[in-house]
Protein backbone atom coordinates (compact mmCIF):
# COMPACT_ATOMS: atom_id res chain seq x y z
CA MET A 1 85.70 -202.22 -127.65
CA PRO A 2 84.21 -202.88 -124.24
CA ALA A 3 80.51 -203.30 -124.03
CA ASP A 4 80.10 -200.19 -121.71
CA GLN A 5 82.51 -197.84 -123.79
CA PRO A 6 80.64 -195.38 -126.07
CA PRO A 7 81.53 -194.59 -129.53
CA THR A 8 84.62 -192.18 -130.27
CA LEU A 9 83.19 -190.99 -133.51
CA ARG A 10 80.03 -188.94 -133.90
CA LEU A 11 77.91 -188.49 -137.03
CA GLU A 12 77.43 -185.04 -138.48
CA LEU A 13 74.00 -183.87 -138.77
CA LEU A 14 73.46 -182.21 -142.25
CA LYS A 15 69.63 -181.69 -142.13
CA GLU A 16 66.70 -182.80 -140.35
CA ALA A 17 62.88 -181.98 -140.07
CA LYS A 18 59.75 -183.10 -138.33
CA LEU A 19 57.74 -185.36 -140.39
CA THR A 20 54.47 -183.42 -139.65
CA GLU A 21 56.20 -180.28 -141.12
CA LEU A 22 56.59 -182.21 -144.25
CA LEU A 23 53.60 -184.11 -144.45
CA GLY A 24 50.97 -181.83 -142.84
CA GLU A 25 48.79 -183.91 -140.36
CA GLU A 26 47.16 -186.40 -142.75
CA LEU A 27 48.31 -189.26 -140.49
CA GLY A 28 47.51 -187.25 -137.20
CA ALA A 29 49.93 -185.88 -134.71
CA ARG A 30 51.28 -189.34 -133.81
CA LEU A 31 54.01 -190.52 -136.47
CA GLU A 32 55.83 -193.58 -135.22
CA ALA A 33 58.26 -193.69 -138.23
CA SER A 34 59.91 -197.09 -138.16
CA GLY A 35 61.63 -197.44 -141.53
CA VAL A 36 63.21 -195.51 -144.44
CA LEU A 37 64.41 -196.14 -148.02
CA ALA A 38 66.36 -193.89 -150.11
CA LYS A 39 65.35 -194.27 -153.75
CA ASP A 40 65.79 -192.09 -156.89
CA GLY A 41 66.44 -188.89 -154.96
CA CYS A 42 63.60 -189.14 -152.36
CA PHE A 43 62.73 -191.18 -149.26
CA TYR A 44 59.89 -193.55 -148.46
CA VAL A 45 59.15 -193.65 -144.92
CA ILE A 46 56.75 -196.26 -143.19
CA PHE A 47 55.35 -196.21 -139.58
CA ASP A 48 54.44 -198.67 -136.70
CA ASN A 49 50.91 -197.11 -136.47
CA SER A 50 49.86 -196.82 -140.05
CA PRO A 51 49.93 -198.89 -143.28
CA ASP A 52 50.31 -195.81 -145.35
CA ILE A 53 53.56 -195.04 -146.79
CA ALA A 54 55.03 -191.40 -146.83
CA ARG A 55 57.28 -190.05 -149.95
CA ILE A 56 59.39 -187.20 -149.17
CA GLY A 57 61.54 -185.16 -151.26
CA GLY A 58 65.44 -185.38 -150.71
CA GLU A 59 65.82 -181.60 -149.62
CA LEU A 60 63.63 -182.31 -146.77
CA ALA A 61 61.76 -179.06 -147.76
CA ARG A 62 58.31 -178.33 -146.48
CA GLU A 63 57.41 -176.69 -150.02
CA ASP A 64 58.36 -179.89 -152.02
CA ALA A 65 55.28 -180.80 -154.02
CA GLY A 66 56.53 -184.34 -154.14
CA ASN A 67 55.82 -184.78 -150.28
CA ARG A 68 52.77 -186.95 -149.87
CA LEU A 69 51.15 -190.01 -148.61
CA ILE A 70 50.72 -193.31 -150.54
CA ARG A 71 47.45 -194.52 -149.24
CA GLN A 72 47.30 -198.51 -149.00
CA GLU A 73 44.05 -199.91 -150.35
CA GLN A 74 44.52 -203.12 -148.41
CA ARG A 75 44.24 -201.93 -144.77
CA ARG A 76 45.63 -203.76 -141.77
CA ASP A 77 45.77 -203.02 -137.96
CA GLY A 78 49.03 -201.30 -137.21
CA GLY A 79 51.95 -200.66 -139.58
CA TYR A 80 55.38 -201.87 -140.60
CA GLU A 81 58.88 -202.15 -139.24
CA ASP A 82 60.94 -201.59 -142.29
CA ILE A 83 60.96 -201.32 -146.09
CA ALA A 84 63.22 -202.73 -148.75
CA TYR A 85 63.43 -202.45 -152.66
CA ASP A 86 64.66 -204.83 -155.22
CA ARG A 87 65.87 -202.77 -158.22
CA THR A 88 65.89 -205.95 -160.55
CA GLU A 89 62.23 -206.80 -159.84
CA GLY A 90 61.09 -203.30 -159.33
CA HIS A 91 59.41 -204.38 -155.91
CA PHE A 92 59.06 -203.05 -152.74
CA TYR A 93 58.99 -205.12 -149.67
CA VAL A 94 57.53 -204.00 -146.19
CA LEU A 95 58.22 -206.03 -143.02
CA VAL A 96 55.70 -207.04 -140.45
CA GLU A 97 57.75 -207.71 -137.25
CA ALA A 98 55.84 -210.67 -135.68
CA VAL A 99 52.66 -212.43 -136.53
CA PRO A 100 50.81 -215.46 -135.07
CA HIS A 101 51.74 -218.29 -137.17
CA PRO A 102 49.05 -221.13 -138.13
CA GLY A 103 51.55 -223.74 -136.76
CA GLY A 104 52.06 -222.04 -133.61
CA GLY A 105 54.32 -219.28 -132.19
CA PHE A 106 55.23 -216.14 -134.21
CA MET A 107 56.89 -215.25 -137.41
CA ALA A 108 57.61 -212.25 -139.39
CA GLN A 109 55.74 -211.67 -142.56
CA VAL A 110 56.58 -209.67 -145.71
CA ARG A 111 54.19 -207.83 -147.97
CA GLU A 112 55.40 -207.27 -151.52
CA HIS A 113 54.33 -204.32 -153.61
CA ASP A 114 54.85 -203.39 -157.28
CA GLU A 115 56.43 -200.04 -158.25
CA GLY A 116 53.21 -198.15 -157.81
CA PHE A 117 52.85 -199.69 -154.44
CA ARG A 118 50.14 -201.96 -155.49
CA HIS A 119 49.90 -205.05 -153.06
CA LEU A 120 50.98 -208.14 -154.71
CA SER A 121 51.30 -210.87 -151.99
CA ASP A 122 52.30 -211.70 -148.47
CA ALA A 123 54.77 -214.34 -147.50
CA TRP A 124 56.07 -215.75 -144.18
CA MET A 125 59.66 -215.52 -143.23
CA ASP A 126 60.56 -218.97 -141.99
CA PHE A 127 62.18 -218.09 -138.60
CA PRO A 128 60.49 -218.63 -135.33
CA LEU A 129 60.42 -215.66 -133.05
CA ASP A 130 60.24 -215.51 -129.19
CA ARG A 131 57.07 -213.24 -128.97
CA PRO A 132 55.04 -210.80 -130.89
CA ASN A 133 56.91 -207.70 -130.05
CA LYS A 134 60.49 -208.86 -130.14
CA GLY A 135 61.00 -210.00 -133.92
CA LEU A 136 62.68 -208.84 -136.85
CA GLU A 137 63.16 -205.17 -136.89
CA GLY A 138 65.15 -204.20 -140.00
CA LEU A 139 64.86 -205.51 -143.62
CA THR A 140 67.17 -204.74 -146.80
CA CYS A 141 67.30 -206.57 -150.15
CA VAL A 142 70.52 -208.10 -151.57
CA ARG A 143 70.89 -209.81 -155.03
CA ARG A 144 73.20 -212.84 -155.43
CA ALA A 145 73.61 -215.47 -157.87
CA GLY A 146 70.47 -214.15 -159.78
CA ARG A 147 68.43 -214.53 -156.66
CA THR A 148 66.66 -211.88 -154.45
CA HIS A 149 67.46 -212.34 -150.68
CA LEU A 150 65.94 -210.34 -147.84
CA LEU A 151 68.07 -209.83 -144.90
CA GLY A 152 66.17 -209.37 -141.65
CA LEU A 153 67.82 -207.97 -138.46
CA CYS A 154 66.82 -209.34 -135.21
CA GLU A 155 65.69 -206.78 -132.67
CA GLY A 156 67.63 -208.49 -129.74
CA ASN A 157 70.95 -210.00 -129.38
CA ARG A 158 71.10 -213.69 -130.33
CA CYS A 159 67.55 -213.13 -131.56
CA ARG A 160 66.14 -213.20 -128.00
CA ALA A 161 64.03 -211.26 -125.95
CA GLY A 162 64.30 -210.06 -122.35
CA ALA A 163 67.72 -210.01 -120.47
CA GLU A 164 69.20 -212.08 -122.83
CA GLY A 165 68.41 -210.02 -125.72
CA ARG A 166 69.96 -206.90 -124.05
CA ARG A 167 73.30 -208.53 -123.42
CA PRO A 168 75.61 -206.98 -126.06
CA GLY A 169 77.62 -208.97 -128.53
CA GLY A 170 75.10 -211.19 -130.19
CA GLY A 171 73.79 -209.20 -133.13
CA ARG A 172 72.35 -211.20 -135.84
CA ILE A 173 71.08 -210.79 -139.35
CA GLN A 174 68.94 -213.67 -140.80
CA VAL A 175 69.16 -214.31 -144.58
CA PHE A 176 66.10 -215.48 -146.41
CA ALA A 177 65.55 -216.56 -150.08
CA ARG A 178 62.09 -216.74 -151.95
CA THR A 179 60.36 -220.02 -152.64
CA PRO A 180 56.86 -220.23 -153.96
CA ARG A 181 55.13 -220.25 -150.63
CA ARG A 182 57.40 -218.37 -148.31
CA TRP A 183 60.95 -216.87 -147.65
CA ASP A 184 63.19 -219.66 -146.53
CA ARG A 185 66.11 -218.88 -144.21
CA VAL A 186 69.30 -219.75 -145.99
CA GLY A 187 72.05 -218.22 -143.71
CA THR A 188 72.88 -215.91 -140.54
CA ILE A 189 75.35 -212.95 -140.65
CA ARG A 190 77.01 -212.69 -137.12
CA LEU A 191 77.71 -209.20 -136.23
CA PRO A 192 80.93 -208.46 -134.27
CA GLU A 193 81.11 -209.68 -130.79
CA SER A 194 82.78 -206.67 -129.84
CA LEU A 195 79.62 -204.44 -130.86
CA TRP A 196 78.21 -203.19 -127.69
CA PHE A 197 74.58 -202.38 -128.96
CA GLU A 198 71.64 -203.20 -126.48
CA ASP A 199 69.25 -203.73 -129.38
CA TYR A 200 68.93 -203.27 -133.16
CA SER A 201 66.29 -201.38 -134.95
CA SER A 202 67.28 -201.18 -138.80
CA LEU A 203 69.69 -202.10 -141.34
CA ALA A 204 70.51 -201.10 -144.84
CA VAL A 205 73.10 -202.71 -147.49
CA ALA A 206 74.50 -200.89 -150.65
CA GLY A 207 77.22 -202.92 -152.47
CA ASP A 208 79.17 -204.33 -149.83
CA ARG A 209 78.53 -201.61 -147.28
CA VAL A 210 76.26 -202.59 -144.28
CA ALA A 211 74.65 -200.10 -141.78
CA VAL A 212 73.09 -201.32 -138.45
CA VAL A 213 71.35 -198.78 -136.17
CA SER A 214 70.57 -199.06 -132.47
CA GLN A 215 67.75 -197.12 -130.84
CA ALA A 216 68.77 -198.03 -127.17
CA SER A 217 72.50 -197.28 -127.74
CA SER A 218 71.97 -194.29 -129.90
CA ALA A 219 74.59 -195.35 -132.46
CA LEU A 220 75.29 -196.70 -136.07
CA TRP A 221 77.74 -199.37 -137.02
CA VAL A 222 79.11 -199.64 -140.62
CA GLY A 223 80.76 -202.59 -141.93
CA ARG A 224 81.62 -204.71 -144.91
CA LEU A 225 79.73 -207.64 -146.37
CA SER A 226 81.73 -210.62 -147.87
CA PRO A 227 81.28 -210.74 -151.67
CA SER A 228 80.61 -214.51 -151.78
CA ARG A 229 79.56 -215.65 -148.35
CA TRP A 230 76.90 -214.66 -145.73
CA GLU A 231 79.44 -213.20 -143.28
CA LEU A 232 81.22 -209.92 -142.55
CA ALA A 233 84.49 -208.91 -144.02
CA ASP A 234 85.71 -206.82 -141.11
CA GLU A 235 84.91 -205.51 -137.62
CA GLY A 236 83.68 -202.16 -138.81
CA THR A 237 83.23 -198.77 -137.30
CA THR A 238 80.80 -197.45 -134.84
CA TYR A 239 79.57 -193.94 -134.89
CA GLY A 240 77.43 -192.27 -132.22
CA PHE A 241 74.65 -189.84 -132.86
CA PRO A 242 75.18 -186.30 -131.94
CA LEU A 243 74.67 -185.22 -128.35
CA ASP A 244 73.43 -182.17 -126.88
CA ALA A 245 75.47 -179.28 -125.52
CA LYS A 246 75.78 -181.04 -121.97
CA GLY A 247 76.75 -184.27 -123.58
CA ARG A 248 73.44 -186.06 -123.19
CA THR A 249 71.68 -188.31 -125.65
CA VAL A 250 68.99 -186.57 -127.58
CA TYR A 251 68.61 -189.04 -130.71
CA CYS A 252 66.66 -191.56 -128.34
CA THR A 253 64.22 -193.14 -130.94
CA VAL A 254 66.21 -193.83 -134.05
CA GLU A 255 64.45 -196.59 -136.09
CA GLY A 256 65.24 -196.68 -139.77
CA VAL A 257 68.26 -196.22 -141.83
CA SER A 258 69.10 -196.21 -145.69
CA TRP A 259 72.28 -195.32 -147.47
CA VAL A 260 72.00 -191.98 -149.54
CA ALA A 261 75.58 -192.10 -150.44
CA ASP A 262 78.94 -193.68 -149.66
CA ASP A 263 79.42 -191.05 -146.96
CA ARG A 264 75.84 -190.30 -145.85
CA VAL A 265 72.80 -191.88 -144.51
CA VAL A 266 69.29 -191.03 -143.95
CA VAL A 267 67.69 -192.03 -140.59
CA VAL A 268 63.99 -191.82 -138.97
CA SER A 269 63.10 -191.40 -135.44
CA ASP A 270 60.00 -192.95 -133.61
CA LYS A 271 57.87 -191.06 -131.32
CA ALA A 272 59.29 -190.74 -127.78
CA LYS A 273 57.91 -192.68 -125.05
CA ALA A 274 56.07 -190.63 -122.41
CA GLY A 275 57.35 -191.49 -118.90
CA ALA A 276 60.03 -193.86 -120.20
CA GLN A 277 62.15 -191.39 -122.10
CA HIS A 278 63.43 -187.88 -120.97
CA GLN A 279 61.52 -184.97 -122.29
CA ARG A 280 64.72 -183.79 -124.09
CA CYS A 281 64.07 -186.86 -126.56
CA ARG A 282 61.08 -185.19 -127.98
CA ALA A 283 63.04 -182.51 -129.89
CA LYS A 284 64.44 -185.22 -132.41
CA ASP A 285 61.33 -187.59 -132.43
CA GLN A 286 58.98 -188.30 -135.26
CA SER A 287 61.59 -186.71 -137.60
CA ILE A 288 63.76 -187.64 -140.58
CA HIS A 289 67.40 -186.88 -140.54
CA LEU A 290 70.47 -186.65 -142.91
CA PHE A 291 73.87 -187.37 -141.47
CA ALA A 292 77.40 -187.61 -142.86
CA LEU A 293 80.08 -190.24 -141.70
CA PRO A 294 83.05 -188.34 -140.51
CA GLY A 295 86.24 -189.36 -142.40
CA ALA A 296 84.37 -191.31 -145.13
CA ALA A 297 85.42 -190.69 -148.64
CA PRO A 298 82.63 -188.84 -150.51
């Protein structure tokens, strides 16, 4: 598919809600949602601008008594980029995009929490980054050969910032395995060269299914992961987010994605950037959305 060709398939919206409608205004009016995890019938949402974590019931209903904020005792400036869960260990992982490293430059960090979201440890992800605001944007957990691996999605093509990072065809997922001191990089998964995304904002893996979302391109790519090697098994399929009645982009700030079932995903949207994005983008920003994949087997 040429780099300038939009997707021919569109995701089907099932349900969506503004996060302030579900949570009230405990976090204030600015909710920069950056990642989401579907787990046990509910959704955990993390934010760029807060270390606290939201739990939202699976029906996205305002009256759901399970909608709440999980306050973090260990505070930090800013928030997180994505969230993952290891079902074997019962641990949550939250991603800090890029942090100054004592040895120079920048690296991402992962904060590990137990089942009750009590903080356990921080660890570096051993992969040098260009700059503080262009690092690893997505995080998901995969168990292989009895080990926990974290897959980190680079925001820019070829893991670069600037014009090179916006040139499509170079999507990269870095693979990390835990050592006593850090997460060591053990592989790289290359997304298809035909994938025309300008950036990458989140990923999720369930079984062999991989989902990758792009904010700038307002689209979702779905492919298959090889069962034995850190590579893809196919070219995958690209789905665009729904357009408005005039054929214009309205899902302008999609950030996080997680599998809900074989044929559906949950997505969260960041706050629209004043002046940089059209006013119509505000209708869908700071929200959580459920989508079905057209043609996927339920």
